[in-house]
PDB file of N, CA and C in Angstrom:
ATOM      1  N   UNK A   1     -12.967  -1.160 -15.262  1.00  0.00           N
ATOM      2  CA  UNK A   1     -11.847  -0.278 -15.434  1.00  0.00           C
ATOM      3  C   UNK A   1     -11.208  -0.726 -16.667  1.00  0.00           C
ATOM      4  N   UNK A   2     -10.831  -2.177 -16.836  1.00  0.00           N
ATOM      5  CA  UNK A   2     -10.049  -2.691 -17.811  1.00  0.00           C
ATOM      6  C   UNK A   2     -11.069  -3.089 -18.889  1.00  0.00           C
ATOM      7  N   UNK A   3     -12.348  -3.110 -18.645  1.00  0.00           N
ATOM      8  CA  UNK A   3     -13.211  -3.722 -19.537  1.00  0.00           C
ATOM      9  C   UNK A   3     -13.303  -3.146 -20.808  1.00  0.00           C
ATOM     10  N   UNK A   4     -13.103  -1.723 -21.021  1.00  0.00           N
ATOM     11  CA  UNK A   4     -13.198  -1.112 -22.167  1.00  0.00           C
ATOM     12  C   UNK A   4     -12.108  -1.409 -22.951  1.00  0.00           C
ATOM     13  N   UNK A   5     -10.884  -1.913 -22.570  1.00  0.00           N
ATOM     14  CA  UNK A   5      -9.676  -2.366 -23.378  1.00  0.00           C
ATOM     15  C   UNK A   5      -9.831  -3.705 -23.899  1.00  0.00           C
ATOM     16  N   UNK A   6     -10.640  -4.528 -23.342  1.00  0.00           N
ATOM     17  CA  UNK A   6     -10.633  -6.053 -23.797  1.00  0.00           C
ATOM     18  C   UNK A   6     -11.842  -6.217 -24.594  1.00  0.00           C
ATOM     19  N   UNK A   7     -11.634  -6.610 -25.923  1.00  0.00           N
ATOM     20  CA  UNK A   7     -12.763  -6.641 -26.778  1.00  0.00           C
ATOM     21  C   UNK A   7     -13.589  -8.118 -26.450  1.00  0.00           C
ATOM     22  N   UNK A   8     -12.779  -9.099 -26.280  1.00  0.00           N
ATOM     23  CA  UNK A   8     -13.505 -10.406 -26.335  1.00  0.00           C
ATOM     24  C   UNK A   8     -13.734 -10.943 -24.871  1.00  0.00           C
ATOM     25  N   UNK A   9     -14.663 -11.741 -24.738  1.00  0.00           N
ATOM     26  CA  UNK A   9     -14.942 -12.348 -23.422  1.00  0.00           C
ATOM     27  C   UNK A   9     -14.644 -13.836 -23.868  1.00  0.00           C
ATOM     28  N   UNK A  10     -14.502 -14.647 -22.952  1.00  0.00           N
ATOM     29  CA  UNK A  10     -14.308 -16.055 -22.870  1.00  0.00           C
ATOM     30  C   UNK A  10     -15.528 -16.662 -23.728  1.00  0.00           C
ATOM     31  N   UNK A  11     -16.746 -16.195 -23.461  1.00  0.00           N
ATOM     32  CA  UNK A  11     -17.774 -16.762 -24.226  1.00  0.00           C
ATOM     33  C   UNK A  11     -17.782 -16.430 -25.666  1.00  0.00           C
ATOM     34  N   UNK A  12     -17.360 -15.203 -25.951  1.00  0.00           N
ATOM     35  CA  UNK A  12     -17.100 -14.841 -27.490  1.00  0.00           C
ATOM     36  C   UNK A  12     -16.182 -15.901 -28.203  1.00  0.00           C
ATOM     37  N   UNK A  13     -15.105 -16.133 -27.452  1.00  0.00           N
ATOM     38  CA  UNK A  13     -14.098 -17.168 -28.003  1.00  0.00           C
ATOM     39  C   UNK A  13     -14.717 -18.543 -28.106  1.00  0.00           C
ATOM     40  N   UNK A  14     -15.335 -18.970 -27.146  1.00  0.00           N
ATOM     41  CA  UNK A  14     -16.015 -20.271 -27.099  1.00  0.00           C
ATOM     42  C   UNK A  14     -17.131 -20.453 -28.151  1.00  0.00           C
ATOM     43  N   UNK A  15     -17.899 -19.452 -28.288  1.00  0.00           N
ATOM     44  CA  UNK A  15     -18.994 -19.392 -29.416  1.00  0.00           C
ATOM     45  C   UNK A  15     -18.788 -19.049 -30.777  1.00  0.00           C
ATOM     46  N   UNK A  16     -17.522 -18.657 -31.063  1.00  0.00           N
ATOM     47  CA  UNK A  16     -17.189 -18.149 -32.370  1.00  0.00           C
ATOM     48  C   UNK A  16     -17.448 -19.374 -33.302  1.00  0.00           C
ATOM     49  N   UNK A  17     -18.047 -19.033 -34.405  1.00  0.00           N
ATOM     50  CA  UNK A  17     -18.200 -20.020 -35.484  1.00  0.00           C
ATOM     51  C   UNK A  17     -17.674 -19.384 -36.881  1.00  0.00           C
ATOM     52  N   UNK A  18     -16.846 -20.077 -37.419  1.00  0.00           N
ATOM     53  CA  UNK A  18     -16.313 -19.636 -38.741  1.00  0.00           C
ATOM     54  C   UNK A  18     -17.128 -20.357 -39.794  1.00  0.00           C
ATOM     55  N   UNK A  19     -17.310 -19.471 -40.898  1.00  0.00           N
ATOM     56  CA  UNK A  19     -17.872 -20.131 -42.028  1.00  0.00           C
ATOM     57  C   UNK A  19     -17.027 -20.997 -42.822  1.00  0.00           C
ATOM     58  N   UNK A  20     -17.603 -22.074 -43.133  1.00  0.00           N
ATOM     59  CA  UNK A  20     -16.760 -23.081 -44.036  1.00  0.00           C
ATOM     60  C   UNK A  20     -16.764 -22.845 -45.504  1.00  0.00           C
ATOM     61  N   UNK A  21     -15.439 -22.861 -45.991  1.00  0.00           N
ATOM     62  CA  UNK A  21     -15.235 -22.717 -47.372  1.00  0.00           C
ATOM     63  C   UNK A  21     -15.163 -24.019 -47.848  1.00  0.00           C
ATOM     64  N   UNK A  22     -14.935 -23.979 -49.286  1.00  0.00           N
ATOM     65  CA  UNK A  22     -14.634 -25.326 -49.986  1.00  0.00           C
ATOM     66  C   UNK A  22     -13.365 -25.996 -49.458  1.00  0.00           C
ATOM     67  N   UNK A  23     -12.507 -25.416 -49.012  1.00  0.00           N
ATOM     68  CA  UNK A  23     -11.288 -25.986 -48.410  1.00  0.00           C
ATOM     69  C   UNK A  23     -11.373 -25.970 -46.774  1.00  0.00           C
ATOM     70  N   UNK A  24     -12.345 -25.752 -46.249  1.00  0.00           N
ATOM     71  CA  UNK A  24     -12.408 -25.485 -44.803  1.00  0.00           C
ATOM     72  C   UNK A  24     -12.868 -24.081 -44.362  1.00  0.00           C
ATOM     73  N   UNK A  25     -12.340 -23.718 -43.164  1.00  0.00           N
ATOM     74  CA  UNK A  25     -12.541 -22.427 -42.786  1.00  0.00           C
ATOM     75  C   UNK A  25     -11.953 -21.234 -43.510  1.00  0.00           C
ATOM     76  N   UNK A  26     -12.516 -20.150 -43.664  1.00  0.00           N
ATOM     77  CA  UNK A  26     -11.850 -19.157 -44.514  1.00  0.00           C
ATOM     78  C   UNK A  26     -10.630 -18.412 -43.593  1.00  0.00           C
ATOM     79  N   UNK A  27      -9.370 -18.806 -44.056  1.00  0.00           N
ATOM     80  CA  UNK A  27      -8.159 -18.230 -43.384  1.00  0.00           C
ATOM     81  C   UNK A  27      -8.168 -16.759 -42.945  1.00  0.00           C
ATOM     82  N   UNK A  28      -8.778 -16.045 -43.960  1.00  0.00           N
ATOM     83  CA  UNK A  28      -8.668 -14.586 -43.419  1.00  0.00           C
ATOM     84  C   UNK A  28      -9.510 -14.096 -42.239  1.00  0.00           C
ATOM     85  N   UNK A  29     -10.763 -14.880 -42.262  1.00  0.00           N
ATOM     86  CA  UNK A  29     -11.617 -14.740 -41.195  1.00  0.00           C
ATOM     87  C   UNK A  29     -10.949 -15.281 -39.768  1.00  0.00           C
ATOM     88  N   UNK A  30     -10.257 -16.343 -39.910  1.00  0.00           N
ATOM     89  CA  UNK A  30      -9.614 -17.047 -38.748  1.00  0.00           C
ATOM     90  C   UNK A  30      -8.506 -15.998 -38.325  1.00  0.00           C
ATOM     91  N   UNK A  31      -7.715 -15.717 -39.254  1.00  0.00           N
ATOM     92  CA  UNK A  31      -6.560 -14.746 -38.936  1.00  0.00           C
ATOM     93  C   UNK A  31      -7.084 -13.421 -38.382  1.00  0.00           C
ATOM     94  N   UNK A  32      -8.120 -12.739 -38.842  1.00  0.00           N
ATOM     95  CA  UNK A  32      -8.566 -11.577 -38.274  1.00  0.00           C
ATOM     96  C   UNK A  32      -9.184 -11.811 -36.680  1.00  0.00           C
ATOM     97  N   UNK A  33      -9.825 -12.995 -36.447  1.00  0.00           N
ATOM     98  CA  UNK A  33     -10.098 -13.328 -35.122  1.00  0.00           C
ATOM     99  C   UNK A  33      -9.090 -13.555 -34.345  1.00  0.00           C
ATOM    100  N   UNK A  34      -8.163 -14.364 -34.677  1.00  0.00           N
ATOM    101  CA  UNK A  34      -6.887 -14.466 -33.893  1.00  0.00           C
ATOM    102  C   UNK A  34      -5.978 -13.280 -33.678  1.00  0.00           C
ATOM    103  N   UNK A  35      -6.182 -12.371 -34.530  1.00  0.00           N
ATOM    104  CA  UNK A  35      -5.492 -11.003 -34.409  1.00  0.00           C
ATOM    105  C   UNK A  35      -6.183 -10.291 -33.138  1.00  0.00           C
ATOM    106  N   UNK A  36      -7.566 -10.344 -33.003  1.00  0.00           N
ATOM    107  CA  UNK A  36      -8.183  -9.763 -31.876  1.00  0.00           C
ATOM    108  C   UNK A  36      -7.761 -10.317 -30.616  1.00  0.00           C
ATOM    109  N   UNK A  37      -7.755 -11.867 -30.699  1.00  0.00           N
ATOM    110  CA  UNK A  37      -7.370 -12.567 -29.479  1.00  0.00           C
ATOM    111  C   UNK A  37      -6.062 -12.109 -28.998  1.00  0.00           C
ATOM    112  N   UNK A  38      -5.102 -12.153 -30.013  1.00  0.00           N
ATOM    113  CA  UNK A  38      -3.595 -11.836 -29.793  1.00  0.00           C
ATOM    114  C   UNK A  38      -3.800 -10.238 -29.072  1.00  0.00           C
ATOM    115  N   UNK A  39      -4.360  -9.444 -29.646  1.00  0.00           N
ATOM    116  CA  UNK A  39      -4.352  -7.990 -29.135  1.00  0.00           C
ATOM    117  C   UNK A  39      -4.910  -8.153 -27.574  1.00  0.00           C
ATOM    118  N   UNK A  40      -5.989  -8.883 -27.333  1.00  0.00           N
ATOM    119  CA  UNK A  40      -6.581  -8.965 -25.974  1.00  0.00           C
ATOM    120  C   UNK A  40      -5.664  -9.574 -25.147  1.00  0.00           C
ATOM    121  N   UNK A  41      -4.841 -10.538 -25.475  1.00  0.00           N
ATOM    122  CA  UNK A  41      -3.873 -11.172 -24.645  1.00  0.00           C
ATOM    123  C   UNK A  41      -2.536 -10.213 -24.230  1.00  0.00           C
ATOM    124  N   UNK A  42      -2.305  -9.462 -25.212  1.00  0.00           N
ATOM    125  CA  UNK A  42      -1.399  -8.480 -24.997  1.00  0.00           C
ATOM    126  C   UNK A  42      -1.699  -7.444 -24.135  1.00  0.00           C
ATOM    127  N   UNK A  43      -2.962  -7.046 -24.295  1.00  0.00           N
ATOM    128  CA  UNK A  43      -3.630  -5.988 -23.280  1.00  0.00           C
ATOM    129  C   UNK A  43      -3.598  -6.321 -21.967  1.00  0.00           C
ATOM    130  N   UNK A  44      -4.060  -7.670 -21.854  1.00  0.00           N
ATOM    131  CA  UNK A  44      -4.160  -8.447 -20.458  1.00  0.00           C
ATOM    132  C   UNK A  44      -2.800  -8.568 -19.880  1.00  0.00           C
ATOM    133  N   UNK A  45      -1.868  -8.879 -20.583  1.00  0.00           N
ATOM    134  CA  UNK A  45      -0.490  -9.018 -20.177  1.00  0.00           C
ATOM    135  C   UNK A  45      -0.021  -7.579 -19.582  1.00  0.00           C
ATOM    136  N   UNK A  46      -0.284  -6.684 -20.334  1.00  0.00           N
ATOM    137  CA  UNK A  46       0.103  -5.365 -19.916  1.00  0.00           C
ATOM    138  C   UNK A  46      -0.577  -4.924 -18.675  1.00  0.00           C
ATOM    139  N   UNK A  47      -1.914  -5.146 -18.545  1.00  0.00           N
ATOM    140  CA  UNK A  47      -2.634  -4.855 -17.312  1.00  0.00           C
ATOM    141  C   UNK A  47      -2.061  -5.667 -16.170  1.00  0.00           C
ATOM    142  N   UNK A  48      -1.764  -6.752 -16.269  1.00  0.00           N
ATOM    143  CA  UNK A  48      -1.302  -7.693 -15.226  1.00  0.00           C
ATOM    144  C   UNK A  48       0.112  -7.136 -14.941  1.00  0.00           C
ATOM    145  N   UNK A  49       1.022  -6.758 -15.724  1.00  0.00           N
ATOM    146  CA  UNK A  49       2.266  -6.390 -15.540  1.00  0.00           C
ATOM    147  C   UNK A  49       2.102  -5.008 -14.631  1.00  0.00           C
ATOM    148  N   UNK A  50       1.353  -4.072 -15.114  1.00  0.00           N
ATOM    149  CA  UNK A  50       1.093  -2.783 -14.493  1.00  0.00           C
ATOM    150  C   UNK A  50       0.533  -3.070 -13.116  1.00  0.00           C
ATOM    151  N   UNK A  51      -0.479  -3.916 -12.911  1.00  0.00           N
ATOM    152  CA  UNK A  51      -0.985  -4.244 -11.516  1.00  0.00           C
ATOM    153  C   UNK A  51      -0.097  -4.774 -10.671  1.00  0.00           C
ATOM    154  N   UNK A  52       0.798  -5.575 -11.173  1.00  0.00           N
ATOM    155  CA  UNK A  52       1.885  -6.251 -10.352  1.00  0.00           C
ATOM    156  C   UNK A  52       2.948  -5.048  -9.877  1.00  0.00           C
ATOM    157  N   UNK A  53       3.176  -4.216 -10.876  1.00  0.00           N
ATOM    158  CA  UNK A  53       4.107  -3.116 -10.464  1.00  0.00           C
ATOM    159  C   UNK A  53       3.474  -2.260  -9.358  1.00  0.00           C
ATOM    160  N   UNK A  54       2.263  -1.813  -9.501  1.00  0.00           N
ATOM    161  CA  UNK A  54       1.555  -1.004  -8.685  1.00  0.00           C
ATOM    162  C   UNK A  54       1.350  -1.734  -7.313  1.00  0.00           C
ATOM    163  N   UNK A  55       1.102  -3.067  -7.289  1.00  0.00           N
ATOM    164  CA  UNK A  55       1.047  -3.807  -6.108  1.00  0.00           C
ATOM    165  C   UNK A  55       2.280  -3.781  -5.341  1.00  0.00           C
ATOM    166  N   UNK A  56       3.466  -3.982  -6.153  1.00  0.00           N
ATOM    167  CA  UNK A  56       4.796  -3.818  -5.406  1.00  0.00           C
ATOM    168  C   UNK A  56       5.043  -2.558  -4.739  1.00  0.00           C
ATOM    169  N   UNK A  57       4.727  -1.579  -5.599  1.00  0.00           N
ATOM    170  CA  UNK A  57       5.064  -0.183  -4.982  1.00  0.00           C
ATOM    171  C   UNK A  57       4.105   0.118  -3.766  1.00  0.00           C
ATOM    172  N   UNK A  58       2.898  -0.351  -3.701  1.00  0.00           N
ATOM    173  CA  UNK A  58       1.982  -0.160  -2.495  1.00  0.00           C
ATOM    174  C   UNK A  58       2.483  -1.090  -1.335  1.00  0.00           C
ATOM    175  N   UNK A  59       2.935  -2.198  -1.718  1.00  0.00           N
ATOM    176  CA  UNK A  59       3.580  -3.042  -0.581  1.00  0.00           C
ATOM    177  C   UNK A  59       4.769  -2.327   0.083  1.00  0.00           C
ATOM    178  N   UNK A  60       5.660  -1.871  -0.844  1.00  0.00           N
ATOM    179  CA  UNK A  60       6.844  -1.033  -0.337  1.00  0.00           C
ATOM    180  C   UNK A  60       6.378   0.110   0.564  1.00  0.00           C
ATOM    181  N   UNK A  61       5.327   0.862   0.026  1.00  0.00           N
ATOM    182  CA  UNK A  61       5.002   1.985   0.779  1.00  0.00           C
ATOM    183  C   UNK A  61       4.352   1.616   1.931  1.00  0.00           C
ATOM    184  N   UNK A  62       3.526   0.567   1.973  1.00  0.00           N
ATOM    185  CA  UNK A  62       2.973  -0.005   3.212  1.00  0.00           C
ATOM    186  C   UNK A  62       4.036  -0.346   4.271  1.00  0.00           C
ATOM    187  N   UNK A  63       5.039  -1.001   3.934  1.00  0.00           N
ATOM    188  CA  UNK A  63       6.208  -1.384   4.810  1.00  0.00           C
ATOM    189  C   UNK A  63       6.880  -0.204   5.218  1.00  0.00           C
ATOM    190  N   UNK A  64       7.017   0.908   4.429  1.00  0.00           N
ATOM    191  CA  UNK A  64       7.743   2.170   4.921  1.00  0.00           C
ATOM    192  C   UNK A  64       6.896   2.932   5.833  1.00  0.00           C
ATOM    193  N   UNK A  65       5.586   2.924   5.588  1.00  0.00           N
ATOM    194  CA  UNK A  65       4.640   3.773   6.447  1.00  0.00           C
ATOM    195  C   UNK A  65       4.574   2.961   7.883  1.00  0.00           C
ATOM    196  N   UNK A  66       4.409   1.537   7.928  1.00  0.00           N
ATOM    197  CA  UNK A  66       4.484   0.729   9.148  1.00  0.00           C
ATOM    198  C   UNK A  66       5.716   0.906   9.941  1.00  0.00           C
ATOM    199  N   UNK A  67       6.740   1.176   9.288  1.00  0.00           N
ATOM    200  CA  UNK A  67       8.234   1.426   9.969  1.00  0.00           C
ATOM    201  C   UNK A  67       8.016   2.808  10.633  1.00  0.00           C
ATOM    202  N   UNK A  68       7.568   3.777   9.856  1.00  0.00           N
ATOM    203  CA  UNK A  68       7.285   5.185  10.270  1.00  0.00           C
ATOM    204  C   UNK A  68       6.474   5.201  11.582  1.00  0.00           C
ATOM    205  N   UNK A  69       5.320   4.359  11.523  1.00  0.00           N
ATOM    206  CA  UNK A  69       4.493   4.420  12.561  1.00  0.00           C
ATOM    207  C   UNK A  69       5.173   3.781  13.986  1.00  0.00           C
ATOM    208  N   UNK A  70       5.885   2.635  13.668  1.00  0.00           N
ATOM    209  CA  UNK A  70       6.624   2.167  14.869  1.00  0.00           C
ATOM    210  C   UNK A  70       7.675   3.176  15.381  1.00  0.00           C
ATOM    211  N   UNK A  71       8.442   3.840  14.494  1.00  0.00           N
ATOM    212  CA  UNK A  71       9.335   4.905  15.018  1.00  0.00           C
ATOM    213  C   UNK A  71       8.593   6.004  15.796  1.00  0.00           C
ATOM    214  N   UNK A  72       7.518   6.428  15.182  1.00  0.00           N
ATOM    215  CA  UNK A  72       6.685   7.387  15.917  1.00  0.00           C
ATOM    216  C   UNK A  72       6.176   7.034  17.186  1.00  0.00           C
ATOM    217  N   UNK A  73       5.690   5.754  17.304  1.00  0.00           N
ATOM    218  CA  UNK A  73       5.228   5.278  18.717  1.00  0.00           C
ATOM    219  C   UNK A  73       6.349   5.218  19.634  1.00  0.00           C
ATOM    220  N   UNK A  74       7.461   4.817  19.247  1.00  0.00           N
ATOM    221  CA  UNK A  74       8.774   4.652  20.014  1.00  0.00           C
ATOM    222  C   UNK A  74       9.097   6.133  20.632  1.00  0.00           C
ATOM    223  N   UNK A  75       9.162   7.065  19.693  1.00  0.00           N
ATOM    224  CA  UNK A  75       9.422   8.483  19.919  1.00  0.00           C
ATOM    225  C   UNK A  75       8.343   8.919  20.995  1.00  0.00           C
ATOM    226  N   UNK A  76       7.034   8.636  20.844  1.00  0.00           N
ATOM    227  CA  UNK A  76       6.034   9.151  21.812  1.00  0.00           C
ATOM    228  C   UNK A  76       6.341   8.524  23.070  1.00  0.00           C
ATOM    229  N   UNK A  77       6.500   7.136  23.200  1.00  0.00           N
ATOM    230  CA  UNK A  77       6.836   6.374  24.437  1.00  0.00           C
ATOM    231  C   UNK A  77       7.972   7.097  25.105  1.00  0.00           C
ATOM    232  N   UNK A  78       9.046   7.493  24.405  1.00  0.00           N
ATOM    233  CA  UNK A  78      10.263   7.956  25.107  1.00  0.00           C
ATOM    234  C   UNK A  78       9.928   9.459  25.610  1.00  0.00           C
ATOM    235  N   UNK A  79       9.116  10.096  24.908  1.00  0.00           N
ATOM    236  CA  UNK A  79       8.730  11.465  25.260  1.00  0.00           C
ATOM    237  C   UNK A  79       7.790  11.360  26.459  1.00  0.00           C
ATOM    238  N   UNK A  80       6.997  10.444  26.465  1.00  0.00           N
ATOM    239  CA  UNK A  80       6.010  10.265  27.605  1.00  0.00           C
ATOM    240  C   UNK A  80       6.834   9.878  28.777  1.00  0.00           C
ATOM    241  N   UNK A  81       7.760   8.932  28.707  1.00  0.00           N
ATOM    242  CA  UNK A  81       8.598   8.529  29.831  1.00  0.00           C
ATOM    243  C   UNK A  81       9.373   9.582  30.432  1.00  0.00           C
ATOM    244  N   UNK A  82       9.975  10.474  29.463  1.00  0.00           N
ATOM    245  CA  UNK A  82      10.797  11.609  29.815  1.00  0.00           C
ATOM    246  C   UNK A  82      10.027  12.645  30.499  1.00  0.00           C
ATOM    247  N   UNK A  83       8.836  12.984  29.970  1.00  0.00           N
ATOM    248  CA  UNK A  83       8.076  13.973  30.699  1.00  0.00           C
ATOM    249  C   UNK A  83       7.636  13.572  31.979  1.00  0.00           C
ATOM    250  N   UNK A  84       7.313  12.255  32.092  1.00  0.00           N
ATOM    251  CA  UNK A  84       6.922  11.698  33.507  1.00  0.00           C
ATOM    252  C   UNK A  84       8.090  11.790  34.495  1.00  0.00           C
ATOM    253  N   UNK A  85       9.259  11.494  34.117  1.00  0.00           N
ATOM    254  CA  UNK A  85      10.412  11.546  34.985  1.00  0.00           C
ATOM    255  C   UNK A  85      10.656  12.913  35.271  1.00  0.00           C
ATOM    256  N   UNK A  86      10.636  13.860  34.329  1.00  0.00           N
ATOM    257  CA  UNK A  86      10.894  15.426  34.590  1.00  0.00           C
ATOM    258  C   UNK A  86       9.848  15.856  35.557  1.00  0.00           C
ATOM    259  N   UNK A  87       8.625  15.256  35.454  1.00  0.00           N
ATOM    260  CA  UNK A  87       7.496  15.740  36.490  1.00  0.00           C
ATOM    261  C   UNK A  87       7.976  15.403  37.757  1.00  0.00           C
ATOM    262  N   UNK A  88       8.412  14.219  37.916  1.00  0.00           N
ATOM    263  CA  UNK A  88       8.806  13.835  39.337  1.00  0.00           C
ATOM    264  C   UNK A  88      10.037  14.491  39.798  1.00  0.00           C
ATOM    265  N   UNK A  89      10.836  14.739  38.900  1.00  0.00           N
ATOM    266  CA  UNK A  89      12.077  15.464  39.195  1.00  0.00           C
ATOM    267  C   UNK A  89      11.837  16.779  39.589  1.00  0.00           C
ATOM    268  N   UNK A  90      11.006  17.533  38.814  1.00  0.00           N
ATOM    269  CA  UNK A  90      10.479  18.963  39.178  1.00  0.00           C
ATOM    270  C   UNK A  90       9.782  18.770  40.620  1.00  0.00           C
ATOM    271  N   UNK A  91       8.929  17.846  41.010  1.00  0.00           N
ATOM    272  CA  UNK A  91       8.257  17.792  42.157  1.00  0.00           C
ATOM    273  C   UNK A  91       9.211  17.487  43.150  1.00  0.00           C
ATOM    274  N   UNK A  92      10.360  16.788  42.997  1.00  0.00           N
ATOM    275  CA  UNK A  92      11.299  16.556  44.004  1.00  0.00           C
ATOM    276  C   UNK A  92      12.030  17.897  44.349  1.00  0.00           C
ATOM    277  N   UNK A  93      12.435  18.543  43.235  1.00  0.00           N
ATOM    278  CA  UNK A  93      13.115  19.872  43.358  1.00  0.00           C
ATOM    279  C   UNK A  93      12.245  20.770  44.358  1.00  0.00           C
ATOM    280  N   UNK A  94      11.036  20.851  43.897  1.00  0.00           N
ATOM    281  CA  UNK A  94      10.175  21.810  44.662  1.00  0.00           C
ATOM    282  C   UNK A  94       9.978  21.299  46.136  1.00  0.00           C
ATOM    283  N   UNK A  95       9.980  20.099  46.416  1.00  0.00           N
ATOM    284  CA  UNK A  95       9.826  19.517  47.819  1.00  0.00           C
ATOM    285  C   UNK A  95      11.034  19.983  48.425  1.00  0.00           C
ATOM    286  N   UNK A  96      12.272  19.724  47.848  1.00  0.00           N
ATOM    287  CA  UNK A  96      13.542  19.937  48.613  1.00  0.00           C
ATOM    288  C   UNK A  96      13.662  21.292  48.809  1.00  0.00           C
ATOM    289  N   UNK A  97      13.287  22.268  47.755  1.00  0.00           N
ATOM    290  CA  UNK A  97      13.293  23.741  48.086  1.00  0.00           C
ATOM    291  C   UNK A  97      12.309  24.090  49.100  1.00  0.00           C
ATOM    292  N   UNK A  98      11.223  23.618  49.309  1.00  0.00           N
ATOM    293  CA  UNK A  98      10.331  23.964  50.419  1.00  0.00           C
ATOM    294  C   UNK A  98      10.974  23.643  51.719  1.00  0.00           C
ATOM    295  N   UNK A  99      11.602  22.259  51.775  1.00  0.00           N
ATOM    296  CA  UNK A  99      12.226  21.815  53.029  1.00  0.00           C
ATOM    297  C   UNK A  99      13.336  22.706  53.300  1.00  0.00           C
ATOM    298  N   UNK A 100      14.015  23.257  52.407  1.00  0.00           N
ATOM    299  CA  UNK A 100      15.182  24.031  52.680  1.00  0.00           C
ATOM    300  C   UNK A 100      14.754  25.487  53.124  1.00  0.00           C
ATOM    301  N   UNK A 101      13.683  25.979  52.531  1.00  0.00           N
ATOM    302  CA  UNK A 101      13.070  27.295  52.953  1.00  0.00           C
ATOM    303  C   UNK A 101      12.640  27.176  54.411  1.00  0.00           C
ATOM    304  N   UNK A 102      11.921  25.976  54.643  1.00  0.00           N
ATOM    305  CA  UNK A 102      11.639  25.792  56.158  1.00  0.00           C
ATOM    306  C   UNK A 102      12.753  25.785  57.064  1.00  0.00           C
ATOM    307  N   UNK A 103      13.790  25.004  56.584  1.00  0.00           N
ATOM    308  CA  UNK A 103      15.004  25.153  57.470  1.00  0.00           C
ATOM    309  C   UNK A 103      15.560  26.419  57.638  1.00  0.00           C
ATOM    310  N   UNK A 104      15.802  26.991  56.603  1.00  0.00           N
ATOM    311  CA  UNK A 104      16.477  28.382  56.633  1.00  0.00           C
ATOM    312  C   UNK A 104      15.619  29.451  57.466  1.00  0.00           C
ATOM    313  N   UNK A 105      14.137  29.420  57.199  1.00  0.00           N
ATOM    314  CA  UNK A 105      13.445  30.424  57.796  1.00  0.00           C
ATOM    315  C   UNK A 105      13.015  30.073  59.388  1.00  0.00           C
ATOM    316  N   UNK A 106      13.202  28.835  59.734  1.00  0.00           N
ATOM    317  CA  UNK A 106      13.078  28.424  60.964  1.00  0.00           C
ATOM    318  C   UNK A 106      14.209  28.881  61.838  1.00  0.00           C
ATOM    319  N   UNK A 107      15.428  28.964  61.179  1.00  0.00           N
ATOM    320  CA  UNK A 107      16.598  29.204  62.060  1.00  0.00           C
ATOM    321  C   UNK A 107      16.730  30.680  62.268  1.00  0.00           C
ATOM    322  N   UNK A 108      15.896  31.466  61.492  1.00  0.00           N
ATOM    323  CA  UNK A 108      16.181  33.034  61.619  1.00  0.00           C
ATOM    324  C   UNK A 108      15.379  33.556  62.663  1.00  0.00           C
TER     325      UNK A 108
END
């Protein structure tokens, strides 16, 4: 993904040989090579910064989603408990109604 943005590999830097001039290495050649290295380091720094920002956003989103899941689980538990207690309440009401009907109709 980032390979197309980075020109040099560590092997390129390690194996780079400069031609020797009468007074040593040719300064222009060394400067051009160092410019490429600097560009690569700047690109790598930018990539690292972007990746760290993206990682931070993903961690925050993950935390938010986990909290949302916990809240939804709590709501499901509450609804399950409430529907269970309503069911028993409805059954109790029906049982009482049935007993009341028996009582009323048996007296007539």
